[in-house]
Amino acid sequence: MFGEVTIAKSHPYSKAVNKFQISPRMQQLMTYCGQLDCYEKSNEVLKEMLQIEVSETQIYRVTDFYGKAVEGQVNEKANLAAVKKDEVMYAEVDGSMILTREEGWTEVKVGRIFKSGDCIHAEGKPGWISNSQYVSHLGDHKIFTGVMDDILDKYGRLDHRLMFISDGAAWIKKWIEDAFPHAVSILDYYHVCEHLHEFSGGVFSDKAREKLWTDKQKEWLLKGKTDTVIRNIKRIGEGSKKAQDLINYYTTNKSRMNYPEYQKIGCGIIGSGAIESAHRTLVQKRMKQSGQRWSCHGAQNMLNLRVVRKNNDWNRIIELTKTKISAAA
């Protein structure tokens, strides 16, 4: 160990990088830690690993700066390999809420794109997806869908080999119909079942009978017998508003509930497990910790960094720390 080393102000190491008097490598580490966990924990990790004391505020400033700086580069290219002729491309989209200072609870839109060839199923183990491309935007869905359009277009015209899985949100359904009319649009089976459970829970007082009835309807749904389930809902619903709401939901989305056919295509995925996982790992793990409340621009900057990391594209941040950026903090 050399102990403390003094460096002259004229030395290259003393020159500011993007107005931070911090070396590029240290800026990279601060940004990586800052997007990985809260700034207090980031400070703790850097001190433990490098024996360097860095304030939480400085970690925030550097992290937020590069989150903003990378904004124009997030998802500007297709990160996945070309789709083979025997593969299909899956696109899952959904929203979850984070707490902002300006608007209270605000929806973050998240998209996850992956190929059937990247879905790994090892015997006796849960399946997983080896490669994905992620998108995330806080606020207006039109900006989010515009980014999704650009990315999906980069993979070429896939028509029926492009498969969307989503819930019944009207904006998602309309976007898919308008932008990708030849794609396969699947209503998430697990959302379908959630609505069914909510209805049956208010009808049956006997939980054993409720389970028997609901399980049977879920079997019919998996067999593509949506009309049978609708008739059964009418029979026990006695014209209630909850029954009619569920019937309307199934009727509106009937064309997206052909589950026997969907299970024959690609990996046979009919549920939203991939996007639920994306919400947990991309958004919630970092941005819904106890007591957290974000500015809208700060939240988007953090989402940019989280997406870059999840897309295995961290070299973009490394290059930015070596580049003079005019909009420096």
C-alpha atoms as a PDB file:
ATOM      1  CA  MET A   1       0.000   0.000   0.000  1.00  0.00           C
ATOM      2  CA  PHE A   2       1.278   3.469  -0.886  1.00  0.00           C
ATOM      3  CA  GLY A   3      -0.977   5.378   1.502  1.00  0.00           C
ATOM      4  CA  GLU A   4      -2.356   8.728   0.417  1.00  0.00           C
ATOM      5  CA  VAL A   5      -1.146  10.016  -2.954  1.00  0.00           C
ATOM      6  CA  THR A   6      -1.327  13.680  -3.933  1.00  0.00           C
ATOM      7  CA  ILE A   7      -1.930  14.462  -7.606  1.00  0.00           C
ATOM      8  CA  ALA A   8      -1.173  17.861  -9.086  1.00  0.00           C
ATOM      9  CA  LYS A   9      -4.083  19.847 -10.541  1.00  0.00           C
ATOM     10  CA  SER A  10      -2.267  19.905 -13.884  1.00  0.00           C
ATOM     11  CA  HIS A  11      -2.171  16.105 -14.047  1.00  0.00           C
ATOM     12  CA  PRO A  12      -4.681  14.428 -16.455  1.00  0.00           C
ATOM     13  CA  TYR A  13      -6.210  12.551 -13.483  1.00  0.00           C
ATOM     14  CA  SER A  14      -7.217  15.887 -11.984  1.00  0.00           C
ATOM     15  CA  LYS A  15      -9.207  17.020 -15.015  1.00  0.00           C
ATOM     16  CA  ALA A  16     -12.972  17.019 -14.635  1.00  0.00           C
ATOM     17  CA  VAL A  17     -14.941  14.483 -16.681  1.00  0.00           C
ATOM     18  CA  ASN A  18     -18.370  15.857 -17.543  1.00  0.00           C
ATOM     19  CA  LYS A  19     -17.803  18.433 -14.782  1.00  0.00           C
ATOM     20  CA  PHE A  20     -17.324  15.728 -12.154  1.00  0.00           C
ATOM     21  CA  GLN A  21     -13.906  15.736 -10.493  1.00  0.00           C
ATOM     22  CA  ILE A  22     -14.059  11.948 -10.552  1.00  0.00           C
ATOM     23  CA  SER A  23     -12.237   9.466 -12.777  1.00  0.00           C
ATOM     24  CA  PRO A  24     -14.248   7.797 -15.573  1.00  0.00           C
ATOM     25  CA  ARG A  25     -13.865   4.382 -13.938  1.00  0.00           C
ATOM     26  CA  MET A  26     -15.146   5.682 -10.615  1.00  0.00           C
ATOM     27  CA  GLN A  27     -18.106   7.326 -12.366  1.00  0.00           C
ATOM     28  CA  GLN A  28     -18.910   3.977 -13.979  1.00  0.00           C
ATOM     29  CA  LEU A  29     -18.846   2.224 -10.602  1.00  0.00           C
ATOM     30  CA  MET A  30     -20.941   4.917  -8.926  1.00  0.00           C
ATOM     31  CA  THR A  31     -23.540   4.761 -11.686  1.00  0.00           C
ATOM     32  CA  TYR A  32     -23.678   0.978 -11.622  1.00  0.00           C
ATOM     33  CA  CYS A  33     -24.118   0.876  -7.855  1.00  0.00           C
ATOM     34  CA  GLY A  34     -26.595   3.767  -7.943  1.00  0.00           C
ATOM     35  CA  GLN A  35     -28.949   1.997 -10.347  1.00  0.00           C
ATOM     36  CA  LEU A  36     -28.558  -1.304  -8.511  1.00  0.00           C
ATOM     37  CA  ASP A  37     -29.747  -0.230  -5.066  1.00  0.00           C
ATOM     38  CA  CYS A  38     -30.576   2.839  -2.969  1.00  0.00           C
ATOM     39  CA  TYR A  39     -27.850   5.473  -2.713  1.00  0.00           C
ATOM     40  CA  GLU A  40     -27.196   4.701   0.937  1.00  0.00           C
ATOM     41  CA  LYS A  41     -26.412   1.062   0.098  1.00  0.00           C
ATOM     42  CA  SER A  42     -24.347   2.180  -2.901  1.00  0.00           C
ATOM     43  CA  ASN A  43     -22.215   4.313  -0.612  1.00  0.00           C
ATOM     44  CA  GLU A  44     -21.756   1.338   1.718  1.00  0.00           C
ATOM     45  CA  VAL A  45     -20.708  -1.015  -1.100  1.00  0.00           C
ATOM     46  CA  LEU A  46     -18.188   1.405  -2.589  1.00  0.00           C
ATOM     47  CA  LYS A  47     -16.649   2.063   0.815  1.00  0.00           C
ATOM     48  CA  GLU A  48     -16.394  -1.644   1.628  1.00  0.00           C
ATOM     49  CA  MET A  49     -15.002  -2.691  -1.750  1.00  0.00           C
ATOM     50  CA  LEU A  50     -12.725   0.242  -2.566  1.00  0.00           C
ATOM     51  CA  GLN A  51     -12.094   1.836   0.842  1.00  0.00           C
ATOM     52  CA  ILE A  52     -13.267   5.115  -0.706  1.00  0.00           C
ATOM     53  CA  GLU A  53     -15.827   7.347   0.997  1.00  0.00           C
ATOM     54  CA  VAL A  54     -18.357   8.741  -1.479  1.00  0.00           C
ATOM     55  CA  SER A  55     -21.364  10.751  -0.369  1.00  0.00           C
ATOM     56  CA  GLU A  56     -24.874   9.531  -1.195  1.00  0.00           C
ATOM     57  CA  THR A  57     -25.572  12.899  -2.816  1.00  0.00           C
ATOM     58  CA  GLN A  58     -22.615  12.579  -5.162  1.00  0.00           C
ATOM     59  CA  ILE A  59     -23.661   9.049  -6.144  1.00  0.00           C
ATOM     60  CA  TYR A  60     -27.132  10.386  -6.885  1.00  0.00           C
ATOM     61  CA  ARG A  61     -25.778  13.267  -9.004  1.00  0.00           C
ATOM     62  CA  VAL A  62     -23.542  11.015 -11.101  1.00  0.00           C
ATOM     63  CA  THR A  63     -26.193   8.302 -11.492  1.00  0.00           C
ATOM     64  CA  ASP A  64     -28.929  10.754 -12.444  1.00  0.00           C
ATOM     65  CA  PHE A  65     -26.625  12.495 -14.914  1.00  0.00           C
ATOM     66  CA  TYR A  66     -25.824   9.329 -16.850  1.00  0.00           C
ATOM     67  CA  GLY A  67     -29.435   8.190 -16.680  1.00  0.00           C
ATOM     68  CA  LYS A  68     -30.337  11.378 -18.533  1.00  0.00           C
ATOM     69  CA  ALA A  69     -27.307  11.238 -20.852  1.00  0.00           C
ATOM     70  CA  VAL A  70     -28.124   7.727 -22.105  1.00  0.00           C
ATOM     71  CA  GLU A  71     -31.782   8.530 -22.820  1.00  0.00           C
ATOM     72  CA  GLY A  72     -31.373   8.938 -26.574  1.00  0.00           C
ATOM     73  CA  GLN A  73     -29.479   5.651 -26.856  1.00  0.00           C
ATOM     74  CA  VAL A  74     -31.742   3.312 -24.893  1.00  0.00           C
ATOM     75  CA  ASN A  75     -33.189   0.685 -27.232  1.00  0.00           C
ATOM     76  CA  GLU A  76     -31.849   2.324 -30.384  1.00  0.00           C
ATOM     77  CA  LYS A  77     -30.855  -1.099 -31.694  1.00  0.00           C
ATOM     78  CA  ALA A  78     -32.227  -4.632 -31.712  1.00  0.00           C
ATOM     79  CA  ASN A  79     -30.405  -6.493 -28.939  1.00  0.00           C
ATOM     80  CA  LEU A  80     -31.583  -9.983 -29.828  1.00  0.00           C
ATOM     81  CA  ALA A  81     -30.363 -12.199 -32.649  1.00  0.00           C
ATOM     82  CA  ALA A  82     -32.482 -12.434 -35.809  1.00  0.00           C
ATOM     83  CA  VAL A  83     -35.654 -14.489 -35.521  1.00  0.00           C
ATOM     84  CA  LYS A  84     -35.210 -17.879 -37.178  1.00  0.00           C
ATOM     85  CA  LYS A  85     -37.860 -19.365 -39.443  1.00  0.00           C
ATOM     86  CA  ASP A  86     -38.871 -21.923 -36.808  1.00  0.00           C
ATOM     87  CA  GLU A  87     -39.087 -19.311 -34.014  1.00  0.00           C
ATOM     88  CA  VAL A  88     -41.721 -16.856 -32.891  1.00  0.00           C
ATOM     89  CA  MET A  89     -41.173 -13.510 -31.193  1.00  0.00           C
ATOM     90  CA  TYR A  90     -43.069 -12.798 -27.984  1.00  0.00           C
ATOM     91  CA  ALA A  91     -43.873  -9.281 -26.793  1.00  0.00           C
ATOM     92  CA  GLU A  92     -45.410  -8.762 -23.365  1.00  0.00           C
ATOM     93  CA  VAL A  93     -46.501  -5.364 -22.046  1.00  0.00           C
ATOM     94  CA  ASP A  94     -48.024  -4.189 -18.781  1.00  0.00           C
ATOM     95  CA  GLY A  95     -48.024  -1.305 -16.320  1.00  0.00           C
ATOM     96  CA  SER A  96     -47.173  -0.934 -12.639  1.00  0.00           C
ATOM     97  CA  MET A  97     -47.230   2.033 -10.288  1.00  0.00           C
ATOM     98  CA  ILE A  98     -44.461   4.043  -8.617  1.00  0.00           C
ATOM     99  CA  LEU A  99     -44.819   7.022  -6.292  1.00  0.00           C
ATOM    100  CA  THR A 100     -43.825  10.400  -7.772  1.00  0.00           C
ATOM    101  CA  ARG A 101     -43.615  13.822  -6.165  1.00  0.00           C
ATOM    102  CA  GLU A 102     -45.488  15.648  -8.909  1.00  0.00           C
ATOM    103  CA  GLU A 103     -48.289  13.228  -9.745  1.00  0.00           C
ATOM    104  CA  GLY A 104     -48.547  10.772  -6.849  1.00  0.00           C
ATOM    105  CA  TRP A 105     -48.849   7.157  -7.969  1.00  0.00           C
ATOM    106  CA  THR A 106     -47.965   7.060 -11.662  1.00  0.00           C
ATOM    107  CA  GLU A 107     -47.913   4.144 -14.073  1.00  0.00           C
ATOM    108  CA  VAL A 108     -44.667   2.809 -15.504  1.00  0.00           C
ATOM    109  CA  LYS A 109     -45.159   0.973 -18.792  1.00  0.00           C
ATOM    110  CA  VAL A 110     -42.871  -2.014 -19.255  1.00  0.00           C
ATOM    111  CA  GLY A 111     -42.289  -4.159 -22.336  1.00  0.00           C
ATOM    112  CA  ARG A 112     -40.343  -7.385 -22.658  1.00  0.00           C
ATOM    113  CA  ILE A 113     -39.449  -8.928 -26.024  1.00  0.00           C
ATOM    114  CA  PHE A 114     -37.991 -12.426 -26.395  1.00  0.00           C
ATOM    115  CA  LYS A 115     -37.820 -15.323 -28.833  1.00  0.00           C
ATOM    116  CA  SER A 116     -39.210 -18.816 -28.407  1.00  0.00           C
ATOM    117  CA  GLY A 117     -35.690 -20.150 -28.984  1.00  0.00           C
ATOM    118  CA  ASP A 118     -34.526 -18.339 -25.840  1.00  0.00           C
ATOM    119  CA  CYS A 119     -37.125 -20.013 -23.619  1.00  0.00           C
ATOM    120  CA  ILE A 120     -35.265 -22.699 -21.681  1.00  0.00           C
ATOM    121  CA  HIS A 121     -37.125 -25.653 -20.165  1.00  0.00           C
ATOM    122  CA  ALA A 122     -34.881 -27.958 -18.145  1.00  0.00           C
ATOM    123  CA  GLU A 123     -36.573 -31.097 -16.835  1.00  0.00           C
ATOM    124  CA  GLY A 124     -37.614 -30.761 -13.209  1.00  0.00           C
ATOM    125  CA  LYS A 125     -36.790 -27.060 -13.076  1.00  0.00           C
ATOM    126  CA  PRO A 126     -38.781 -23.868 -13.668  1.00  0.00           C
ATOM    127  CA  GLY A 127     -38.404 -22.452 -17.170  1.00  0.00           C
ATOM    128  CA  TRP A 128     -36.493 -19.275 -17.798  1.00  0.00           C
ATOM    129  CA  ILE A 129     -35.715 -16.859 -20.634  1.00  0.00           C
ATOM    130  CA  SER A 130     -32.039 -16.577 -21.508  1.00  0.00           C
ATOM    131  CA  ASN A 131     -32.217 -13.325 -23.533  1.00  0.00           C
ATOM    132  CA  SER A 132     -34.712 -10.455 -23.568  1.00  0.00           C
ATOM    133  CA  GLN A 133     -34.998  -6.870 -24.684  1.00  0.00           C
ATOM    134  CA  TYR A 134     -36.712  -4.500 -22.257  1.00  0.00           C
ATOM    135  CA  VAL A 135     -38.502  -1.167 -22.648  1.00  0.00           C
ATOM    136  CA  SER A 136     -39.759   1.105 -19.888  1.00  0.00           C
ATOM    137  CA  HIS A 137     -41.438   4.508 -19.864  1.00  0.00           C
ATOM    138  CA  LEU A 138     -43.078   6.607 -17.169  1.00  0.00           C
ATOM    139  CA  GLY A 139     -46.222   8.331 -18.385  1.00  0.00           C
ATOM    140  CA  ASP A 140     -48.013   8.553 -21.722  1.00  0.00           C
ATOM    141  CA  HIS A 141     -48.578   5.213 -23.439  1.00  0.00           C
ATOM    142  CA  LYS A 142     -48.151   6.723 -26.922  1.00  0.00           C
ATOM    143  CA  ILE A 143     -44.447   7.352 -26.307  1.00  0.00           C
ATOM    144  CA  PHE A 144     -44.055   3.828 -24.955  1.00  0.00           C
ATOM    145  CA  THR A 145     -45.832   2.176 -27.894  1.00  0.00           C
ATOM    146  CA  GLY A 146     -43.791   4.304 -30.311  1.00  0.00           C
ATOM    147  CA  VAL A 147     -40.580   2.876 -28.850  1.00  0.00           C
ATOM    148  CA  MET A 148     -42.010  -0.645 -28.966  1.00  0.00           C
ATOM    149  CA  ASP A 149     -42.974  -0.112 -32.621  1.00  0.00           C
ATOM    150  CA  ASP A 150     -39.452   0.985 -33.530  1.00  0.00           C
ATOM    151  CA  ILE A 151     -37.820  -1.966 -31.791  1.00  0.00           C
ATOM    152  CA  LEU A 152     -40.163  -4.614 -33.171  1.00  0.00           C
ATOM    153  CA  ASP A 153     -39.781  -3.181 -36.684  1.00  0.00           C
ATOM    154  CA  LYS A 154     -36.037  -3.775 -36.409  1.00  0.00           C
ATOM    155  CA  TYR A 155     -36.663  -7.524 -36.275  1.00  0.00           C
ATOM    156  CA  GLY A 156     -38.410  -7.460 -39.650  1.00  0.00           C
ATOM    157  CA  ARG A 157     -41.939  -8.337 -40.681  1.00  0.00           C
ATOM    158  CA  LEU A 158     -43.041 -11.310 -38.583  1.00  0.00           C
ATOM    159  CA  ASP A 159     -46.849 -11.213 -39.027  1.00  0.00           C
ATOM    160  CA  HIS A 160     -48.352 -14.238 -37.210  1.00  0.00           C
ATOM    161  CA  ARG A 161     -44.896 -15.137 -35.797  1.00  0.00           C
ATOM    162  CA  LEU A 162     -45.175 -12.068 -33.565  1.00  0.00           C
ATOM    163  CA  MET A 163     -47.192 -12.926 -30.464  1.00  0.00           C
ATOM    164  CA  PHE A 164     -48.409 -10.381 -27.914  1.00  0.00           C
ATOM    165  CA  ILE A 165     -49.501 -11.389 -24.415  1.00  0.00           C
ATOM    166  CA  SER A 166     -51.264  -8.753 -22.325  1.00  0.00           C
ATOM    167  CA  ASP A 167     -54.212  -8.076 -20.052  1.00  0.00           C
ATOM    168  CA  GLY A 168     -57.452  -6.469 -21.189  1.00  0.00           C
ATOM    169  CA  ALA A 169     -56.282  -2.832 -21.091  1.00  0.00           C
ATOM    170  CA  ALA A 170     -57.993  -1.002 -23.958  1.00  0.00           C
ATOM    171  CA  TRP A 171     -54.919   1.007 -24.997  1.00  0.00           C
ATOM    172  CA  ILE A 172     -52.841  -2.176 -25.388  1.00  0.00           C
ATOM    173  CA  LYS A 173     -55.508  -3.973 -27.391  1.00  0.00           C
ATOM    174  CA  LYS A 174     -56.029  -1.003 -29.727  1.00  0.00           C
ATOM    175  CA  TRP A 175     -52.288  -0.470 -30.228  1.00  0.00           C
ATOM    176  CA  ILE A 176     -51.726  -4.084 -31.244  1.00  0.00           C
ATOM    177  CA  GLU A 177     -54.709  -4.063 -33.617  1.00  0.00           C
ATOM    178  CA  ASP A 178     -53.561  -0.820 -35.272  1.00  0.00           C
ATOM    179  CA  ALA A 179     -49.798  -1.356 -35.426  1.00  0.00           C
ATOM    180  CA  PHE A 180     -49.552  -5.135 -35.884  1.00  0.00           C
ATOM    181  CA  PRO A 181     -52.841  -6.342 -37.417  1.00  0.00           C
ATOM    182  CA  HIS A 182     -51.375  -9.679 -38.527  1.00  0.00           C
ATOM    183  CA  ALA A 183     -49.809 -10.518 -35.161  1.00  0.00           C
ATOM    184  CA  VAL A 184     -51.313 -12.985 -32.689  1.00  0.00           C
ATOM    185  CA  SER A 185     -52.778 -11.189 -29.662  1.00  0.00           C
ATOM    186  CA  ILE A 186     -53.303 -13.327 -26.535  1.00  0.00           C
ATOM    187  CA  LEU A 187     -55.302 -12.326 -23.479  1.00  0.00           C
ATOM    188  CA  ASP A 188     -53.226 -13.349 -20.477  1.00  0.00           C
ATOM    189  CA  TYR A 189     -54.798 -16.554 -19.150  1.00  0.00           C
ATOM    190  CA  TYR A 190     -53.930 -15.725 -15.541  1.00  0.00           C
ATOM    191  CA  HIS A 191     -55.679 -12.346 -15.717  1.00  0.00           C
ATOM    192  CA  VAL A 192     -58.683 -14.175 -17.147  1.00  0.00           C
ATOM    193  CA  CYS A 193     -58.649 -16.510 -14.139  1.00  0.00           C
ATOM    194  CA  GLU A 194     -58.206 -13.651 -11.665  1.00  0.00           C
ATOM    195  CA  HIS A 195     -61.397 -12.029 -12.951  1.00  0.00           C
ATOM    196  CA  LEU A 196     -63.169 -15.368 -12.660  1.00  0.00           C
ATOM    197  CA  HIS A 197     -62.072 -15.806  -9.029  1.00  0.00           C
ATOM    198  CA  GLU A 198     -63.181 -12.266  -8.150  1.00  0.00           C
ATOM    199  CA  PHE A 199     -66.640 -13.048  -9.519  1.00  0.00           C
ATOM    200  CA  SER A 200     -67.056 -16.504  -7.976  1.00  0.00           C
ATOM    201  CA  GLY A 201     -65.855 -15.278  -4.578  1.00  0.00           C
ATOM    202  CA  GLY A 202     -68.896 -12.997  -4.412  1.00  0.00           C
ATOM    203  CA  VAL A 203     -71.350 -15.691  -5.486  1.00  0.00           C
ATOM    204  CA  PHE A 204     -70.482 -18.766  -3.426  1.00  0.00           C
ATOM    205  CA  SER A 205     -70.576 -18.799   0.363  1.00  0.00           C
ATOM    206  CA  ASP A 206     -69.284 -22.374   0.396  1.00  0.00           C
ATOM    207  CA  LYS A 207     -65.578 -22.206  -0.512  1.00  0.00           C
ATOM    208  CA  ALA A 208     -65.402 -25.863  -1.499  1.00  0.00           C
ATOM    209  CA  ARG A 209     -68.252 -25.406  -3.999  1.00  0.00           C
ATOM    210  CA  GLU A 210     -66.645 -22.210  -5.264  1.00  0.00           C
ATOM    211  CA  LYS A 211     -63.380 -24.031  -5.942  1.00  0.00           C
ATOM    212  CA  LEU A 212     -65.101 -26.875  -7.774  1.00  0.00           C
ATOM    213  CA  TRP A 213     -67.059 -24.483  -9.976  1.00  0.00           C
ATOM    214  CA  THR A 214     -64.130 -22.162 -10.682  1.00  0.00           C
ATOM    215  CA  ASP A 215     -61.696 -24.970 -11.454  1.00  0.00           C
ATOM    216  CA  LYS A 216     -64.172 -26.394 -13.967  1.00  0.00           C
ATOM    217  CA  GLN A 217     -64.543 -23.020 -15.712  1.00  0.00           C
ATOM    218  CA  LYS A 218     -60.764 -22.703 -15.923  1.00  0.00           C
ATOM    219  CA  GLU A 219     -60.642 -26.108 -17.594  1.00  0.00           C
ATOM    220  CA  TRP A 220     -63.247 -24.953 -20.137  1.00  0.00           C
ATOM    221  CA  LEU A 221     -61.242 -21.777 -20.795  1.00  0.00           C
ATOM    222  CA  LEU A 222     -58.065 -23.769 -21.447  1.00  0.00           C
ATOM    223  CA  LYS A 223     -60.047 -25.858 -23.935  1.00  0.00           C
ATOM    224  CA  GLY A 224     -61.199 -22.708 -25.736  1.00  0.00           C
ATOM    225  CA  LYS A 225     -64.823 -23.112 -24.579  1.00  0.00           C
ATOM    226  CA  THR A 226     -65.370 -19.434 -23.760  1.00  0.00           C
ATOM    227  CA  ASP A 227     -69.057 -19.547 -24.736  1.00  0.00           C
ATOM    228  CA  THR A 228     -69.644 -22.395 -22.276  1.00  0.00           C
ATOM    229  CA  VAL A 229     -68.081 -20.365 -19.467  1.00  0.00           C
ATOM    230  CA  ILE A 230     -70.177 -17.319 -20.379  1.00  0.00           C
ATOM    231  CA  ARG A 231     -73.358 -19.403 -20.194  1.00  0.00           C
ATOM    232  CA  ASN A 232     -72.318 -20.775 -16.802  1.00  0.00           C
ATOM    233  CA  ILE A 233     -71.635 -17.251 -15.504  1.00  0.00           C
ATOM    234  CA  LYS A 234     -75.104 -16.157 -16.658  1.00  0.00           C
ATOM    235  CA  ARG A 235     -76.656 -19.171 -14.940  1.00  0.00           C
ATOM    236  CA  ILE A 236     -75.254 -18.444 -11.494  1.00  0.00           C
ATOM    237  CA  GLY A 237     -74.887 -14.673 -11.812  1.00  0.00           C
ATOM    238  CA  GLU A 238     -78.634 -13.987 -11.960  1.00  0.00           C
ATOM    239  CA  GLY A 239     -78.152 -10.814 -13.979  1.00  0.00           C
ATOM    240  CA  SER A 240     -75.850  -9.153 -11.418  1.00  0.00           C
ATOM    241  CA  LYS A 241     -73.558  -6.313 -12.463  1.00  0.00           C
ATOM    242  CA  LYS A 242     -70.467  -8.373 -11.598  1.00  0.00           C
ATOM    243  CA  ALA A 243     -71.696 -11.190 -13.815  1.00  0.00           C
ATOM    244  CA  GLN A 244     -72.410  -8.816 -16.681  1.00  0.00           C
ATOM    245  CA  ASP A 245     -69.024  -7.107 -16.319  1.00  0.00           C
ATOM    246  CA  LEU A 246     -67.257 -10.464 -16.536  1.00  0.00           C
ATOM    247  CA  ILE A 247     -69.371 -11.551 -19.489  1.00  0.00           C
ATOM    248  CA  ASN A 248     -68.547  -8.281 -21.279  1.00  0.00           C
ATOM    249  CA  TYR A 249     -64.847  -8.778 -20.558  1.00  0.00           C
ATOM    250  CA  TYR A 250     -64.838 -12.296 -21.993  1.00  0.00           C
ATOM    251  CA  THR A 251     -67.039 -11.360 -24.940  1.00  0.00           C
ATOM    252  CA  THR A 252     -64.885  -8.370 -25.900  1.00  0.00           C
ATOM    253  CA  ASN A 253     -61.706 -10.425 -25.734  1.00  0.00           C
ATOM    254  CA  LYS A 254     -63.036 -13.742 -27.055  1.00  0.00           C
ATOM    255  CA  SER A 255     -60.884 -13.557 -30.191  1.00  0.00           C
ATOM    256  CA  ARG A 256     -57.795 -13.435 -27.941  1.00  0.00           C
ATOM    257  CA  MET A 257     -58.732 -16.520 -25.851  1.00  0.00           C
ATOM    258  CA  ASN A 258     -58.024 -19.413 -28.229  1.00  0.00           C
ATOM    259  CA  TYR A 259     -55.671 -21.036 -25.731  1.00  0.00           C
ATOM    260  CA  PRO A 260     -55.554 -24.556 -27.266  1.00  0.00           C
ATOM    261  CA  GLU A 261     -54.207 -23.036 -30.485  1.00  0.00           C
ATOM    262  CA  TYR A 262     -51.733 -20.698 -28.745  1.00  0.00           C
ATOM    263  CA  GLN A 263     -50.256 -23.599 -26.778  1.00  0.00           C
ATOM    264  CA  LYS A 264     -49.249 -25.269 -30.058  1.00  0.00           C
ATOM    265  CA  ILE A 265     -47.211 -22.255 -31.207  1.00  0.00           C
ATOM    266  CA  GLY A 266     -43.674 -21.401 -30.142  1.00  0.00           C
ATOM    267  CA  CYS A 267     -43.229 -22.261 -26.466  1.00  0.00           C
ATOM    268  CA  GLY A 268     -46.953 -22.467 -25.838  1.00  0.00           C
ATOM    269  CA  ILE A 269     -46.892 -19.445 -23.528  1.00  0.00           C
ATOM    270  CA  ILE A 270     -50.341 -18.075 -22.607  1.00  0.00           C
ATOM    271  CA  GLY A 271     -49.531 -16.157 -19.419  1.00  0.00           C
ATOM    272  CA  SER A 272     -47.774 -13.011 -18.311  1.00  0.00           C
ATOM    273  CA  GLY A 273     -45.095 -14.509 -16.079  1.00  0.00           C
ATOM    274  CA  ALA A 274     -42.308 -12.929 -18.140  1.00  0.00           C
ATOM    275  CA  ILE A 275     -43.638  -9.381 -17.800  1.00  0.00           C
ATOM    276  CA  GLU A 276     -44.520  -9.848 -14.118  1.00  0.00           C
ATOM    277  CA  SER A 277     -40.902 -10.864 -13.553  1.00  0.00           C
ATOM    278  CA  ALA A 278     -39.765  -7.801 -15.524  1.00  0.00           C
ATOM    279  CA  HIS A 279     -41.764  -5.500 -13.248  1.00  0.00           C
ATOM    280  CA  ARG A 280     -40.176  -7.022 -10.167  1.00  0.00           C
ATOM    281  CA  THR A 281     -36.590  -7.029 -11.392  1.00  0.00           C
ATOM    282  CA  LEU A 282     -36.547  -3.885 -13.526  1.00  0.00           C
ATOM    283  CA  VAL A 283     -38.842  -1.490 -11.646  1.00  0.00           C
ATOM    284  CA  GLN A 284     -39.949  -2.612  -8.210  1.00  0.00           C
ATOM    285  CA  LYS A 285     -36.672  -3.934  -6.796  1.00  0.00           C
ATOM    286  CA  ARG A 286     -35.013  -0.536  -7.208  1.00  0.00           C
ATOM    287  CA  MET A 287     -37.856   1.973  -7.348  1.00  0.00           C
ATOM    288  CA  LYS A 288     -40.448   0.760  -4.832  1.00  0.00           C
ATOM    289  CA  GLN A 289     -38.299   0.474  -1.739  1.00  0.00           C
ATOM    290  CA  SER A 290     -39.594   1.716   1.590  1.00  0.00           C
ATOM    291  CA  GLY A 291     -40.127   5.484   1.658  1.00  0.00           C
ATOM    292  CA  GLN A 292     -39.064   6.110  -1.942  1.00  0.00           C
ATOM    293  CA  ARG A 293     -40.695   8.930  -3.878  1.00  0.00           C
ATOM    294  CA  TRP A 294     -39.339  10.027  -7.249  1.00  0.00           C
ATOM    295  CA  SER A 295     -39.396  13.126  -9.374  1.00  0.00           C
ATOM    296  CA  CYS A 296     -40.811  12.222 -12.774  1.00  0.00           C
ATOM    297  CA  HIS A 297     -37.611  13.071 -14.639  1.00  0.00           C
ATOM    298  CA  GLY A 298     -35.474  11.313 -12.011  1.00  0.00           C
ATOM    299  CA  ALA A 299     -37.620   8.203 -12.287  1.00  0.00           C
ATOM    300  CA  GLN A 300     -37.224   8.083 -16.064  1.00  0.00           C
ATOM    301  CA  ASN A 301     -33.465   8.574 -15.750  1.00  0.00           C
ATOM    302  CA  MET A 302     -33.308   5.619 -13.377  1.00  0.00           C
ATOM    303  CA  LEU A 303     -35.510   3.522 -15.685  1.00  0.00           C
ATOM    304  CA  ASN A 304     -33.105   4.290 -18.543  1.00  0.00           C
ATOM    305  CA  LEU A 305     -30.196   2.874 -16.562  1.00  0.00           C
ATOM    306  CA  ARG A 306     -32.158  -0.163 -15.419  1.00  0.00           C
ATOM    307  CA  VAL A 307     -33.161  -0.953 -19.006  1.00  0.00           C
ATOM    308  CA  VAL A 308     -29.589  -0.533 -20.295  1.00  0.00           C
ATOM    309  CA  ARG A 309     -28.335  -2.962 -17.661  1.00  0.00           C
ATOM    310  CA  LYS A 310     -31.140  -5.495 -18.211  1.00  0.00           C
ATOM    311  CA  ASN A 311     -30.467  -5.337 -21.953  1.00  0.00           C
ATOM    312  CA  ASN A 312     -26.788  -6.231 -21.306  1.00  0.00           C
ATOM    313  CA  ASP A 313     -25.801  -2.928 -22.907  1.00  0.00           C
ATOM    314  CA  TRP A 314     -23.789  -1.359 -20.077  1.00  0.00           C
ATOM    315  CA  ASN A 315     -20.954  -0.473 -22.461  1.00  0.00           C
ATOM    316  CA  ARG A 316     -23.075   2.521 -23.436  1.00  0.00           C
ATOM    317  CA  ILE A 317     -22.544   3.969 -19.964  1.00  0.00           C
ATOM    318  CA  ILE A 318     -18.841   3.149 -20.043  1.00  0.00           C
ATOM    319  CA  GLU A 319     -18.467   5.028 -23.332  1.00  0.00           C
ATOM    320  CA  LEU A 320     -20.413   8.010 -22.010  1.00  0.00           C
ATOM    321  CA  THR A 321     -18.035   8.350 -19.058  1.00  0.00           C
ATOM    322  CA  LYS A 322     -15.224   8.791 -21.603  1.00  0.00           C
ATOM    323  CA  THR A 323     -17.113  11.337 -23.680  1.00  0.00           C
ATOM    324  CA  LYS A 324     -17.521  15.050 -23.162  1.00  0.00           C
ATOM    325  CA  ILE A 325     -21.241  15.615 -22.817  1.00  0.00           C
ATOM    326  CA  SER A 326     -22.414  19.178 -23.385  1.00  0.00           C
ATOM    327  CA  ALA A 327     -25.390  18.917 -21.028  1.00  0.00           C
ATOM    328  CA  ALA A 328     -23.178  18.022 -18.076  1.00  0.00           C
ATOM    329  CA  ALA A 329     -24.447  18.421 -14.523  1.00  0.00           C
END
